[in-house]
PDB file of N, CA and C in Angstrom:
ATOM      1  N   MET A   1      39.633  36.077 164.795  1.00  0.00           N
ATOM      2  CA  MET A   1      40.843  35.496 165.312  1.00  0.00           C
ATOM      3  C   MET A   1      40.505  34.542 166.460  1.00  0.00           C
ATOM      4  N   ASP A   2      41.069  33.376 166.387  1.00  0.00           N
ATOM      5  CA  ASP A   2      40.964  32.429 167.483  1.00  0.00           C
ATOM      6  C   ASP A   2      42.136  32.676 168.427  1.00  0.00           C
ATOM      7  N   THR A   3      42.041  32.157 169.624  1.00  0.00           N
ATOM      8  CA  THR A   3      43.077  32.332 170.630  1.00  0.00           C
ATOM      9  C   THR A   3      44.426  31.850 170.124  1.00  0.00           C
ATOM     10  N   ASN A   4      44.457  30.694 169.471  1.00  0.00           N
ATOM     11  CA  ASN A   4      45.743  30.161 169.021  1.00  0.00           C
ATOM     12  C   ASN A   4      46.367  31.030 167.932  1.00  0.00           C
ATOM     13  N   ALA A   5      45.580  31.764 167.176  1.00  0.00           N
ATOM     14  CA  ALA A   5      46.117  32.666 166.161  1.00  0.00           C
ATOM     15  C   ALA A   5      46.774  33.884 166.804  1.00  0.00           C
ATOM     16  N   VAL A   6      46.155  34.406 167.850  1.00  0.00           N
ATOM     17  CA  VAL A   6      46.745  35.548 168.551  1.00  0.00           C
ATOM     18  C   VAL A   6      48.056  35.130 169.209  1.00  0.00           C
ATOM     19  N   ILE A   7      48.077  33.944 169.796  1.00  0.00           N
ATOM     20  CA  ILE A   7      49.305  33.435 170.419  1.00  0.00           C
ATOM     21  C   ILE A   7      50.386  33.229 169.358  1.00  0.00           C
ATOM     22  N   ALA A   8      50.001  32.687 168.210  1.00  0.00           N
ATOM     23  CA  ALA A   8      50.974  32.490 167.125  1.00  0.00           C
ATOM     24  C   ALA A   8      51.524  33.831 166.644  1.00  0.00           C
ATOM     25  N   TYR A   9      50.677  34.848 166.608  1.00  0.00           N
ATOM     26  CA  TYR A   9      51.126  36.189 166.237  1.00  0.00           C
ATOM     27  C   TYR A   9      52.147  36.692 167.258  1.00  0.00           C
ATOM     28  N   ARG A  10      51.840  36.508 168.519  1.00  0.00           N
ATOM     29  CA  ARG A  10      52.754  36.927 169.592  1.00  0.00           C
ATOM     30  C   ARG A  10      54.088  36.209 169.482  1.00  0.00           C
ATOM     31  N   GLU A  11      54.045  34.952 169.049  1.00  0.00           N
ATOM     32  CA  GLU A  11      55.273  34.158 168.904  1.00  0.00           C
ATOM     33  C   GLU A  11      56.011  34.469 167.613  1.00  0.00           C
ATOM     34  N   GLY A  12      55.422  35.300 166.755  1.00  0.00           N
ATOM     35  CA  GLY A  12      56.084  35.701 165.521  1.00  0.00           C
ATOM     36  C   GLY A  12      56.038  34.677 164.406  1.00  0.00           C
ATOM     37  N   ILE A  13      55.038  33.787 164.408  1.00  0.00           N
ATOM     38  CA  ILE A  13      54.894  32.795 163.341  1.00  0.00           C
ATOM     39  C   ILE A  13      54.630  33.562 162.034  1.00  0.00           C
ATOM     40  N   PRO A  14      55.558  33.462 161.065  1.00  0.00           N
ATOM     41  CA  PRO A  14      55.464  34.305 159.859  1.00  0.00           C
ATOM     42  C   PRO A  14      54.123  34.238 159.129  1.00  0.00           C
ATOM     43  N   GLU A  15      53.571  33.035 158.931  1.00  0.00           N
ATOM     44  CA  GLU A  15      52.296  32.908 158.206  1.00  0.00           C
ATOM     45  C   GLU A  15      51.180  33.694 158.886  1.00  0.00           C
ATOM     46  N   VAL A  16      51.143  33.624 160.207  1.00  0.00           N
ATOM     47  CA  VAL A  16      50.096  34.310 160.958  1.00  0.00           C
ATOM     48  C   VAL A  16      50.354  35.813 160.976  1.00  0.00           C
ATOM     49  N   CYS A  17      51.602  36.199 161.173  1.00  0.00           N
ATOM     50  CA  CYS A  17      51.946  37.626 161.163  1.00  0.00           C
ATOM     51  C   CYS A  17      51.574  38.258 159.825  1.00  0.00           C
ATOM     52  N   ASN A  18      51.848  37.556 158.729  1.00  0.00           N
ATOM     53  CA  ASN A  18      51.490  38.076 157.402  1.00  0.00           C
ATOM     54  C   ASN A  18      49.981  38.212 157.250  1.00  0.00           C
ATOM     55  N   LEU A  19      49.239  37.209 157.711  1.00  0.00           N
ATOM     56  CA  LEU A  19      47.771  37.270 157.643  1.00  0.00           C
ATOM     57  C   LEU A  19      47.233  38.474 158.418  1.00  0.00           C
ATOM     58  N   ILE A  20      47.713  38.626 159.630  1.00  0.00           N
ATOM     59  CA  ILE A  20      47.202  39.688 160.502  1.00  0.00           C
ATOM     60  C   ILE A  20      47.663  41.061 160.018  1.00  0.00           C
ATOM     61  N   ASP A  21      48.936  41.166 159.671  1.00  0.00           N
ATOM     62  CA  ASP A  21      49.475  42.462 159.248  1.00  0.00           C
ATOM     63  C   ASP A  21      48.874  42.946 157.935  1.00  0.00           C
ATOM     64  N   SER A  22      48.401  42.028 157.098  1.00  0.00           N
ATOM     65  CA  SER A  22      47.818  42.427 155.815  1.00  0.00           C
ATOM     66  C   SER A  22      46.295  42.566 155.867  1.00  0.00           C
ATOM     67  N   ALA A  23      45.695  42.252 157.006  1.00  0.00           N
ATOM     68  CA  ALA A  23      44.235  42.315 157.140  1.00  0.00           C
ATOM     69  C   ALA A  23      43.758  43.772 157.188  1.00  0.00           C
ATOM     70  N   ASP A  24      42.592  44.006 156.584  1.00  0.00           N
ATOM     71  CA  ASP A  24      41.982  45.335 156.665  1.00  0.00           C
ATOM     72  C   ASP A  24      41.554  45.650 158.093  1.00  0.00           C
ATOM     73  N   ALA A  25      41.127  44.629 158.817  1.00  0.00           N
ATOM     74  CA  ALA A  25      40.702  44.796 160.207  1.00  0.00           C
ATOM     75  C   ALA A  25      40.903  43.475 160.933  1.00  0.00           C
ATOM     76  N   ILE A  26      41.160  43.571 162.215  1.00  0.00           N
ATOM     77  CA  ILE A  26      41.266  42.393 163.070  1.00  0.00           C
ATOM     78  C   ILE A  26      40.024  42.394 163.947  1.00  0.00           C
ATOM     79  N   ILE A  27      39.264  41.330 163.850  1.00  0.00           N
ATOM     80  CA  ILE A  27      38.060  41.218 164.664  1.00  0.00           C
ATOM     81  C   ILE A  27      38.301  40.132 165.700  1.00  0.00           C
ATOM     82  N   LEU A  28      38.118  40.516 166.942  1.00  0.00           N
ATOM     83  CA  LEU A  28      38.449  39.648 168.059  1.00  0.00           C
ATOM     84  C   LEU A  28      37.195  39.383 168.885  1.00  0.00           C
ATOM     85  N   PRO A  29      36.673  38.151 168.835  1.00  0.00           N
ATOM     86  CA  PRO A  29      35.527  37.846 169.696  1.00  0.00           C
ATOM     87  C   PRO A  29      35.900  38.042 171.172  1.00  0.00           C
ATOM     88  N   VAL A  30      35.001  38.580 171.947  1.00  0.00           N
ATOM     89  CA  VAL A  30      35.269  38.842 173.355  1.00  0.00           C
ATOM     90  C   VAL A  30      35.641  37.551 174.091  1.00  0.00           C
ATOM     91  N   THR A  31      35.147  36.426 173.638  1.00  0.00           N
ATOM     92  CA  THR A  31      35.488  35.138 174.232  1.00  0.00           C
ATOM     93  C   THR A  31      36.986  34.871 174.125  1.00  0.00           C
ATOM     94  N   VAL A  32      37.583  35.255 172.992  1.00  0.00           N
ATOM     95  CA  VAL A  32      39.030  35.075 172.801  1.00  0.00           C
ATOM     96  C   VAL A  32      39.798  35.935 173.796  1.00  0.00           C
ATOM     97  N   ILE A  33      39.325  37.148 174.027  1.00  0.00           N
ATOM     98  CA  ILE A  33      39.996  38.003 175.006  1.00  0.00           C
ATOM     99  C   ILE A  33      39.974  37.337 176.379  1.00  0.00           C
ATOM    100  N   GLY A  34      38.842  36.755 176.743  1.00  0.00           N
ATOM    101  CA  GLY A  34      38.753  36.041 178.018  1.00  0.00           C
ATOM    102  C   GLY A  34      39.742  34.892 178.098  1.00  0.00           C
ATOM    103  N   GLU A  35      39.850  34.105 177.029  1.00  0.00           N
ATOM    104  CA  GLU A  35      40.803  32.992 177.025  1.00  0.00           C
ATOM    105  C   GLU A  35      42.242  33.501 177.123  1.00  0.00           C
ATOM    106  N   LEU A  36      42.538  34.566 176.397  1.00  0.00           N
ATOM    107  CA  LEU A  36      43.894  35.128 176.430  1.00  0.00           C
ATOM    108  C   LEU A  36      44.234  35.685 177.814  1.00  0.00           C
ATOM    109  N   LEU A  37      43.274  36.375 178.429  1.00  0.00           N
ATOM    110  CA  LEU A  37      43.534  36.920 179.769  1.00  0.00           C
ATOM    111  C   LEU A  37      43.692  35.810 180.803  1.00  0.00           C
ATOM    112  N   TYR A  38      42.907  34.749 180.662  1.00  0.00           N
ATOM    113  CA  TYR A  38      43.086  33.598 181.552  1.00  0.00           C
ATOM    114  C   TYR A  38      44.506  33.052 181.398  1.00  0.00           C
ATOM    115  N   GLY A  39      44.934  32.867 180.164  1.00  0.00           N
ATOM    116  CA  GLY A  39      46.289  32.365 179.922  1.00  0.00           C
ATOM    117  C   GLY A  39      47.348  33.286 180.499  1.00  0.00           C
ATOM    118  N   ALA A  40      47.133  34.587 180.375  1.00  0.00           N
ATOM    119  CA  ALA A  40      48.086  35.560 180.924  1.00  0.00           C
ATOM    120  C   ALA A  40      48.153  35.447 182.449  1.00  0.00           C
ATOM    121  N   LEU A  41      46.986  35.378 183.085  1.00  0.00           N
ATOM    122  CA  LEU A  41      46.950  35.281 184.543  1.00  0.00           C
ATOM    123  C   LEU A  41      47.548  33.978 185.054  1.00  0.00           C
ATOM    124  N   ASN A  42      47.488  32.953 184.236  1.00  0.00           N
ATOM    125  CA  ASN A  42      47.977  31.627 184.609  1.00  0.00           C
ATOM    126  C   ASN A  42      49.428  31.408 184.182  1.00  0.00           C
ATOM    127  N   SER A  43      50.098  32.454 183.721  1.00  0.00           N
ATOM    128  CA  SER A  43      51.463  32.315 183.212  1.00  0.00           C
ATOM    129  C   SER A  43      52.494  32.838 184.206  1.00  0.00           C
ATOM    130  N   THR A  44      53.742  32.553 183.930  1.00  0.00           N
ATOM    131  CA  THR A  44      54.829  33.055 184.767  1.00  0.00           C
ATOM    132  C   THR A  44      55.183  34.502 184.427  1.00  0.00           C
ATOM    133  N   LYS A  45      54.716  34.989 183.278  1.00  0.00           N
ATOM    134  CA  LYS A  45      54.972  36.374 182.860  1.00  0.00           C
ATOM    135  C   LYS A  45      53.644  37.127 182.776  1.00  0.00           C
ATOM    136  N   GLN A  46      52.923  37.108 183.879  1.00  0.00           N
ATOM    137  CA  GLN A  46      51.565  37.620 183.932  1.00  0.00           C
ATOM    138  C   GLN A  46      51.448  39.051 183.420  1.00  0.00           C
ATOM    139  N   LYS A  47      52.243  39.975 183.938  1.00  0.00           N
ATOM    140  CA  LYS A  47      52.103  41.393 183.565  1.00  0.00           C
ATOM    141  C   LYS A  47      52.413  41.620 182.087  1.00  0.00           C
ATOM    142  N   ASN A  48      53.473  41.012 181.584  1.00  0.00           N
ATOM    143  CA  ASN A  48      53.816  41.162 180.165  1.00  0.00           C
ATOM    144  C   ASN A  48      52.736  40.584 179.268  1.00  0.00           C
ATOM    145  N   ASN A  49      52.227  39.430 179.637  1.00  0.00           N
ATOM    146  CA  ASN A  49      51.199  38.787 178.823  1.00  0.00           C
ATOM    147  C   ASN A  49      49.874  39.548 178.870  1.00  0.00           C
ATOM    148  N   GLU A  50      49.507  40.053 180.041  1.00  0.00           N
ATOM    149  CA  GLU A  50      48.291  40.875 180.133  1.00  0.00           C
ATOM    150  C   GLU A  50      48.431  42.138 179.285  1.00  0.00           C
ATOM    151  N   LYS A  51      49.593  42.752 179.350  1.00  0.00           N
ATOM    152  CA  LYS A  51      49.846  43.965 178.570  1.00  0.00           C
ATOM    153  C   LYS A  51      49.682  43.679 177.080  1.00  0.00           C
ATOM    154  N   PHE A  52      50.230  42.562 176.621  1.00  0.00           N
ATOM    155  CA  PHE A  52      50.097  42.200 175.212  1.00  0.00           C
ATOM    156  C   PHE A  52      48.631  42.014 174.837  1.00  0.00           C
ATOM    157  N   VAL A  53      47.872  41.305 175.664  1.00  0.00           N
ATOM    158  CA  VAL A  53      46.452  41.063 175.365  1.00  0.00           C
ATOM    159  C   VAL A  53      45.716  42.390 175.220  1.00  0.00           C
ATOM    160  N   HIS A  54      45.932  43.291 176.150  1.00  0.00           N
ATOM    161  CA  HIS A  54      45.244  44.585 176.099  1.00  0.00           C
ATOM    162  C   HIS A  54      45.679  45.416 174.892  1.00  0.00           C
ATOM    163  N   GLN A  55      46.962  45.358 174.557  1.00  0.00           N
ATOM    164  CA  GLN A  55      47.442  46.087 173.376  1.00  0.00           C
ATOM    165  C   GLN A  55      46.838  45.503 172.104  1.00  0.00           C
ATOM    166  N   PHE A  56      46.841  44.184 171.990  1.00  0.00           N
ATOM    167  CA  PHE A  56      46.290  43.534 170.802  1.00  0.00           C
ATOM    168  C   PHE A  56      44.802  43.843 170.675  1.00  0.00           C
ATOM    169  N   ALA A  57      44.095  43.766 171.785  1.00  0.00           N
ATOM    170  CA  ALA A  57      42.664  44.079 171.762  1.00  0.00           C
ATOM    171  C   ALA A  57      42.441  45.541 171.365  1.00  0.00           C
ATOM    172  N   GLY A  58      43.350  46.411 171.768  1.00  0.00           N
ATOM    173  CA  GLY A  58      43.245  47.819 171.425  1.00  0.00           C
ATOM    174  C   GLY A  58      43.376  48.093 169.936  1.00  0.00           C
ATOM    175  N   TYR A  59      44.071  47.210 169.234  1.00  0.00           N
ATOM    176  CA  TYR A  59      44.232  47.336 167.780  1.00  0.00           C
ATOM    177  C   TYR A  59      43.164  46.568 167.009  1.00  0.00           C
ATOM    178  N   SER A  60      42.267  45.959 167.743  1.00  0.00           N
ATOM    179  CA  SER A  60      41.256  45.090 167.140  1.00  0.00           C
ATOM    180  C   SER A  60      39.860  45.674 167.315  1.00  0.00           C
ATOM    181  N   LEU A  61      38.950  45.169 166.501  1.00  0.00           N
ATOM    182  CA  LEU A  61      37.531  45.436 166.708  1.00  0.00           C
ATOM    183  C   LEU A  61      37.013  44.290 167.560  1.00  0.00           C
ATOM    184  N   VAL A  62      36.525  44.589 168.737  1.00  0.00           N
ATOM    185  CA  VAL A  62      36.062  43.549 169.653  1.00  0.00           C
ATOM    186  C   VAL A  62      34.610  43.218 169.342  1.00  0.00           C
ATOM    187  N   MET A  63      34.359  41.937 169.083  1.00  0.00           N
ATOM    188  CA  MET A  63      33.021  41.450 168.777  1.00  0.00           C
ATOM    189  C   MET A  63      32.377  40.978 170.067  1.00  0.00           C
ATOM    190  N   PRO A  64      31.353  41.711 170.547  1.00  0.00           N
ATOM    191  CA  PRO A  64      30.700  41.299 171.789  1.00  0.00           C
ATOM    192  C   PRO A  64      29.763  40.120 171.571  1.00  0.00           C
ATOM    193  N   ILE A  65      29.359  39.536 172.663  1.00  0.00           N
ATOM    194  CA  ILE A  65      28.311  38.521 172.613  1.00  0.00           C
ATOM    195  C   ILE A  65      26.999  39.263 172.810  1.00  0.00           C
ATOM    196  N   ASP A  66      26.197  39.276 171.758  1.00  0.00           N
ATOM    197  CA  ASP A  66      24.903  39.938 171.823  1.00  0.00           C
ATOM    198  C   ASP A  66      23.821  38.923 171.460  1.00  0.00           C
ATOM    199  N   GLU A  67      22.601  39.382 171.323  1.00  0.00           N
ATOM    200  CA  GLU A  67      21.496  38.447 171.070  1.00  0.00           C
ATOM    201  C   GLU A  67      21.638  37.683 169.755  1.00  0.00           C
ATOM    202  N   PRO A  68      22.045  38.333 168.638  1.00  0.00           N
ATOM    203  CA  PRO A  68      22.245  37.550 167.407  1.00  0.00           C
ATOM    204  C   PRO A  68      23.334  36.485 167.554  1.00  0.00           C
ATOM    205  N   VAL A  69      24.409  36.795 168.271  1.00  0.00           N
ATOM    206  CA  VAL A  69      25.466  35.800 168.491  1.00  0.00           C
ATOM    207  C   VAL A  69      24.922  34.668 169.365  1.00  0.00           C
ATOM    208  N   ALA A  70      24.143  35.006 170.389  1.00  0.00           N
ATOM    209  CA  ALA A  70      23.568  33.968 171.255  1.00  0.00           C
ATOM    210  C   ALA A  70      22.629  33.049 170.478  1.00  0.00           C
ATOM    211  N   ALA A  71      21.826  33.615 169.582  1.00  0.00           N
ATOM    212  CA  ALA A  71      20.919  32.803 168.773  1.00  0.00           C
ATOM    213  C   ALA A  71      21.707  31.892 167.833  1.00  0.00           C
ATOM    214  N   CYS A  72      22.767  32.422 167.253  1.00  0.00           N
ATOM    215  CA  CYS A  72      23.611  31.614 166.363  1.00  0.00           C
ATOM    216  C   CYS A  72      24.319  30.516 167.153  1.00  0.00           C
ATOM    217  N   TYR A  73      24.798  30.844 168.346  1.00  0.00           N
ATOM    218  CA  TYR A  73      25.437  29.863 169.224  1.00  0.00           C
ATOM    219  C   TYR A  73      24.503  28.674 169.457  1.00  0.00           C
ATOM    220  N   ALA A  74      23.239  28.967 169.780  1.00  0.00           N
ATOM    221  CA  ALA A  74      22.273  27.900 170.061  1.00  0.00           C
ATOM    222  C   ALA A  74      22.098  26.989 168.851  1.00  0.00           C
ATOM    223  N   LYS A  75      21.993  27.578 167.665  1.00  0.00           N
ATOM    224  CA  LYS A  75      21.828  26.783 166.439  1.00  0.00           C
ATOM    225  C   LYS A  75      23.061  25.946 166.149  1.00  0.00           C
ATOM    226  N   VAL A  76      24.248  26.561 166.286  1.00  0.00           N
ATOM    227  CA  VAL A  76      25.497  25.828 166.021  1.00  0.00           C
ATOM    228  C   VAL A  76      25.654  24.680 167.012  1.00  0.00           C
ATOM    229  N   ARG A  77      25.398  24.953 168.282  1.00  0.00           N
ATOM    230  CA  ARG A  77      25.551  23.906 169.295  1.00  0.00           C
ATOM    231  C   ARG A  77      24.612  22.744 169.027  1.00  0.00           C
ATOM    232  N   LEU A  78      23.364  23.044 168.682  1.00  0.00           N
ATOM    233  CA  LEU A  78      22.398  21.992 168.390  1.00  0.00           C
ATOM    234  C   LEU A  78      22.817  21.197 167.155  1.00  0.00           C
ATOM    235  N   ASP A  79      23.264  21.884 166.118  1.00  0.00           N
ATOM    236  CA  ASP A  79      23.715  21.213 164.902  1.00  0.00           C
ATOM    237  C   ASP A  79      24.895  20.283 165.200  1.00  0.00           C
ATOM    238  N   LEU A  80      25.855  20.769 165.977  1.00  0.00           N
ATOM    239  CA  LEU A  80      27.007  19.932 166.336  1.00  0.00           C
ATOM    240  C   LEU A  80      26.567  18.706 167.136  1.00  0.00           C
ATOM    241  N   LYS A  81      25.630  18.899 168.054  1.00  0.00           N
ATOM    242  CA  LYS A  81      25.126  17.783 168.858  1.00  0.00           C
ATOM    243  C   LYS A  81      24.427  16.758 167.974  1.00  0.00           C
ATOM    244  N   ARG A  82      23.567  17.232 167.083  1.00  0.00           N
ATOM    245  CA  ARG A  82      22.811  16.322 166.210  1.00  0.00           C
ATOM    246  C   ARG A  82      23.725  15.513 165.292  1.00  0.00           C
ATOM    247  N   HIS A  83      24.855  16.091 164.921  1.00  0.00           N
ATOM    248  CA  HIS A  83      25.787  15.408 164.027  1.00  0.00           C
ATOM    249  C   HIS A  83      26.897  14.677 164.781  1.00  0.00           C
ATOM    250  N   GLY A  84      26.824  14.691 166.116  1.00  0.00           N
ATOM    251  CA  GLY A  84      27.820  13.983 166.916  1.00  0.00           C
ATOM    252  C   GLY A  84      29.208  14.595 166.832  1.00  0.00           C
ATOM    253  N   ASN A  85      29.274  15.920 166.699  1.00  0.00           N
ATOM    254  CA  ASN A  85      30.558  16.615 166.568  1.00  0.00           C
ATOM    255  C   ASN A  85      30.726  17.681 167.650  1.00  0.00           C
ATOM    256  N   PRO A  86      30.767  17.292 168.908  1.00  0.00           N
ATOM    257  CA  PRO A  86      30.929  18.317 169.940  1.00  0.00           C
ATOM    258  C   PRO A  86      32.295  18.997 169.826  1.00  0.00           C
ATOM    259  N   ILE A  87      32.325  20.283 170.126  1.00  0.00           N
ATOM    260  CA  ILE A  87      33.586  21.029 170.185  1.00  0.00           C
ATOM    261  C   ILE A  87      33.586  21.809 171.500  1.00  0.00           C
ATOM    262  N   PRO A  88      34.735  22.327 171.919  1.00  0.00           N
ATOM    263  CA  PRO A  88      34.763  23.083 173.182  1.00  0.00           C
ATOM    264  C   PRO A  88      33.756  24.234 173.188  1.00  0.00           C
ATOM    265  N   GLU A  89      33.153  24.430 174.344  1.00  0.00           N
ATOM    266  CA  GLU A  89      32.094  25.423 174.518  1.00  0.00           C
ATOM    267  C   GLU A  89      32.503  26.824 174.043  1.00  0.00           C
ATOM    268  N   ASN A  90      33.657  27.292 174.471  1.00  0.00           N
ATOM    269  CA  ASN A  90      34.087  28.633 174.054  1.00  0.00           C
ATOM    270  C   ASN A  90      34.237  28.727 172.539  1.00  0.00           C
ATOM    271  N   ASP A  91      34.634  27.637 171.919  1.00  0.00           N
ATOM    272  CA  ASP A  91      34.815  27.662 170.468  1.00  0.00           C
ATOM    273  C   ASP A  91      33.485  27.787 169.728  1.00  0.00           C
ATOM    274  N   ILE A  92      32.419  27.316 170.336  1.00  0.00           N
ATOM    275  CA  ILE A  92      31.098  27.512 169.726  1.00  0.00           C
ATOM    276  C   ILE A  92      30.761  29.003 169.724  1.00  0.00           C
ATOM    277  N   TRP A  93      31.056  29.691 170.821  1.00  0.00           N
ATOM    278  CA  TRP A  93      30.822  31.142 170.892  1.00  0.00           C
ATOM    279  C   TRP A  93      31.668  31.878 169.856  1.00  0.00           C
ATOM    280  N   ILE A  94      32.921  31.472 169.715  1.00  0.00           N
ATOM    281  CA  ILE A  94      33.824  32.110 168.740  1.00  0.00           C
ATOM    282  C   ILE A  94      33.293  31.893 167.328  1.00  0.00           C
ATOM    283  N   ALA A  95      32.885  30.669 167.026  1.00  0.00           N
ATOM    284  CA  ALA A  95      32.327  30.372 165.707  1.00  0.00           C
ATOM    285  C   ALA A  95      31.063  31.175 165.454  1.00  0.00           C
ATOM    286  N   ALA A  96      30.199  31.271 166.449  1.00  0.00           N
ATOM    287  CA  ALA A  96      28.948  32.013 166.298  1.00  0.00           C
ATOM    288  C   ALA A  96      29.220  33.485 165.996  1.00  0.00           C
ATOM    289  N   ALA A  97      30.194  34.066 166.667  1.00  0.00           N
ATOM    290  CA  ALA A  97      30.538  35.473 166.417  1.00  0.00           C
ATOM    291  C   ALA A  97      30.981  35.661 164.969  1.00  0.00           C
ATOM    292  N   CYS A  98      31.795  34.746 164.464  1.00  0.00           N
ATOM    293  CA  CYS A  98      32.263  34.838 163.072  1.00  0.00           C
ATOM    294  C   CYS A  98      31.114  34.641 162.084  1.00  0.00           C
ATOM    295  N   LEU A  99      30.243  33.690 162.374  1.00  0.00           N
ATOM    296  CA  LEU A  99      29.115  33.439 161.485  1.00  0.00           C
ATOM    297  C   LEU A  99      28.183  34.647 161.406  1.00  0.00           C
ATOM    298  N   VAL A 100      27.926  35.276 162.544  1.00  0.00           N
ATOM    299  CA  VAL A 100      27.042  36.441 162.560  1.00  0.00           C
ATOM    300  C   VAL A 100      27.626  37.568 161.710  1.00  0.00           C
ATOM    301  N   LEU A 101      28.926  37.762 161.786  1.00  0.00           N
ATOM    302  CA  LEU A 101      29.570  38.818 160.992  1.00  0.00           C
ATOM    303  C   LEU A 101      29.853  38.385 159.554  1.00  0.00           C
ATOM    304  N   GLY A 102      29.781  37.089 159.292  1.00  0.00           N
ATOM    305  CA  GLY A 102      30.078  36.594 157.949  1.00  0.00           C
ATOM    306  C   GLY A 102      31.550  36.688 157.607  1.00  0.00           C
ATOM    307  N   ILE A 103      32.401  36.463 158.617  1.00  0.00           N
ATOM    308  CA  ILE A 103      33.851  36.559 158.410  1.00  0.00           C
ATOM    309  C   ILE A 103      34.507  35.212 158.671  1.00  0.00           C
ATOM    310  N   PRO A 104      35.675  34.986 158.065  1.00  0.00           N
ATOM    311  CA  PRO A 104      36.394  33.740 158.344  1.00  0.00           C
ATOM    312  C   PRO A 104      37.060  33.798 159.715  1.00  0.00           C
ATOM    313  N   LEU A 105      37.361  32.627 160.229  1.00  0.00           N
ATOM    314  CA  LEU A 105      38.065  32.496 161.499  1.00  0.00           C
ATOM    315  C   LEU A 105      39.483  32.033 161.218  1.00  0.00           C
ATOM    316  N   VAL A 106      40.463  32.712 161.801  1.00  0.00           N
ATOM    317  CA  VAL A 106      41.856  32.280 161.701  1.00  0.00           C
ATOM    318  C   VAL A 106      42.115  31.397 162.909  1.00  0.00           C
ATOM    319  N   SER A 107      42.377  30.096 162.650  1.00  0.00           N
ATOM    320  CA  SER A 107      42.573  29.126 163.725  1.00  0.00           C
ATOM    321  C   SER A 107      43.282  27.889 163.195  1.00  0.00           C
ATOM    322  N   ARG A 108      43.985  27.210 164.089  1.00  0.00           N
ATOM    323  CA  ARG A 108      44.594  25.922 163.746  1.00  0.00           C
ATOM    324  C   ARG A 108      43.739  24.749 164.225  1.00  0.00           C
ATOM    325  N   ASP A 109      42.641  25.014 164.889  1.00  0.00           N
ATOM    326  CA  ASP A 109      41.811  23.939 165.434  1.00  0.00           C
ATOM    327  C   ASP A 109      40.924  23.326 164.349  1.00  0.00           C
ATOM    328  N   ASP A 110      41.198  22.066 164.030  1.00  0.00           N
ATOM    329  CA  ASP A 110      40.447  21.362 162.988  1.00  0.00           C
ATOM    330  C   ASP A 110      38.963  21.218 163.317  1.00  0.00           C
ATOM    331  N   HIS A 111      38.601  21.177 164.595  1.00  0.00           N
ATOM    332  CA  HIS A 111      37.196  20.945 164.937  1.00  0.00           C
ATOM    333  C   HIS A 111      36.276  22.068 164.453  1.00  0.00           C
ATOM    334  N   PHE A 112      36.831  23.237 164.155  1.00  0.00           N
ATOM    335  CA  PHE A 112      35.987  24.308 163.615  1.00  0.00           C
ATOM    336  C   PHE A 112      35.418  23.937 162.249  1.00  0.00           C
ATOM    337  N   ARG A 113      36.047  22.994 161.568  1.00  0.00           N
ATOM    338  CA  ARG A 113      35.564  22.581 160.252  1.00  0.00           C
ATOM    339  C   ARG A 113      34.235  21.823 160.355  1.00  0.00           C
ATOM    340  N   CYS A 114      33.851  21.444 161.559  1.00  0.00           N
ATOM    341  CA  CYS A 114      32.556  20.790 161.785  1.00  0.00           C
ATOM    342  C   CYS A 114      31.414  21.797 161.852  1.00  0.00           C
ATOM    343  N   VAL A 115      31.739  23.078 161.930  1.00  0.00           N
ATOM    344  CA  VAL A 115      30.705  24.114 162.053  1.00  0.00           C
ATOM    345  C   VAL A 115      30.251  24.503 160.654  1.00  0.00           C
ATOM    346  N   PHE A 116      29.011  24.159 160.336  1.00  0.00           N
ATOM    347  CA  PHE A 116      28.464  24.411 159.008  1.00  0.00           C
ATOM    348  C   PHE A 116      28.494  25.902 158.683  1.00  0.00           C
ATOM    349  N   GLY A 117      29.055  26.217 157.516  1.00  0.00           N
ATOM    350  CA  GLY A 117      29.076  27.593 157.021  1.00  0.00           C
ATOM    351  C   GLY A 117      30.230  28.438 157.506  1.00  0.00           C
ATOM    352  N   LEU A 118      31.033  27.931 158.436  1.00  0.00           N
ATOM    353  CA  LEU A 118      32.165  28.697 158.956  1.00  0.00           C
ATOM    354  C   LEU A 118      33.381  28.510 158.050  1.00  0.00           C
ATOM    355  N   ARG A 119      33.914  29.618 157.583  1.00  0.00           N
ATOM    356  CA  ARG A 119      35.160  29.574 156.802  1.00  0.00           C
ATOM    357  C   ARG A 119      36.332  29.665 157.773  1.00  0.00           C
ATOM    358  N   VAL A 120      37.285  28.752 157.629  1.00  0.00           N
ATOM    359  CA  VAL A 120      38.438  28.704 158.530  1.00  0.00           C
ATOM    360  C   VAL A 120      39.709  28.904 157.721  1.00  0.00           C
ATOM    361  N   ILE A 121      40.542  29.806 158.186  1.00  0.00           N
ATOM    362  CA  ILE A 121      41.873  30.030 157.597  1.00  0.00           C
ATOM    363  C   ILE A 121      42.867  29.475 158.601  1.00  0.00           C
ATOM    364  N   SER A 122      43.710  28.546 158.140  1.00  0.00           N
ATOM    365  CA  SER A 122      44.679  27.916 159.010  1.00  0.00           C
ATOM    366  C   SER A 122      46.085  28.188 158.490  1.00  0.00           C
ATOM    367  N   TRP A 123      47.062  27.669 159.181  1.00  0.00           N
ATOM    368  CA  TRP A 123      48.455  27.817 158.773  1.00  0.00           C
ATOM    369  C   TRP A 123      49.221  26.578 159.220  1.00  0.00           C
ATOM    370  N   GLY A 124      50.332  26.328 158.575  1.00  0.00           N
ATOM    371  CA  GLY A 124      51.179  25.202 158.954  1.00  0.00           C
ATOM    372  C   GLY A 124      50.420  23.902 159.037  1.00  0.00           C
ATOM    373  N   ASN A 125      50.879  23.029 159.892  1.00  0.00           N
ATOM    374  CA  ASN A 125      50.189  21.759 160.150  1.00  0.00           C
ATOM    375  C   ASN A 125      49.080  22.003 161.154  1.00  0.00           C
ATOM    376  N   SER A 126      47.874  21.596 160.820  1.00  0.00           N
ATOM    377  CA  SER A 126      46.753  21.804 161.737  1.00  0.00           C
ATOM    378  C   SER A 126      46.946  21.000 162.997  1.00  0.00           C
ATOM    379  N   ALA A 127      46.429  21.555 164.115  1.00  0.00           N
ATOM    380  CA  ALA A 127      46.526  20.877 165.406  1.00  0.00           C
ATOM    381  C   ALA A 127      45.287  20.043 165.645  1.00  0.00           C
TER     382      ALA A 127
END
């Protein structure tokens, strides 16, 4: 799950809710939790948003950043650089976590399509 997918779930976007509710497991890269908590702390509804992040993470399998993810991150970042396709730093970590597990990423961010071998599941009009 990418950050924007978790937010879309919170907002009740039907396509995303159906994807998440029908999934056998929700895998949440720890980087996404950091982005979500930052957003919660930076919001006007800090306590409610933090509570949601912690509850959602509690229902998810949290994917840590470990040595295999770090090695994959380095390869993905270099590949993106060589092909002239930079993407946000945190998104490289998120992509690396998905690649290591061999799972698709639920996201609306088109730039993930530049990551070789990453399967992306999107919804609605891509951002």
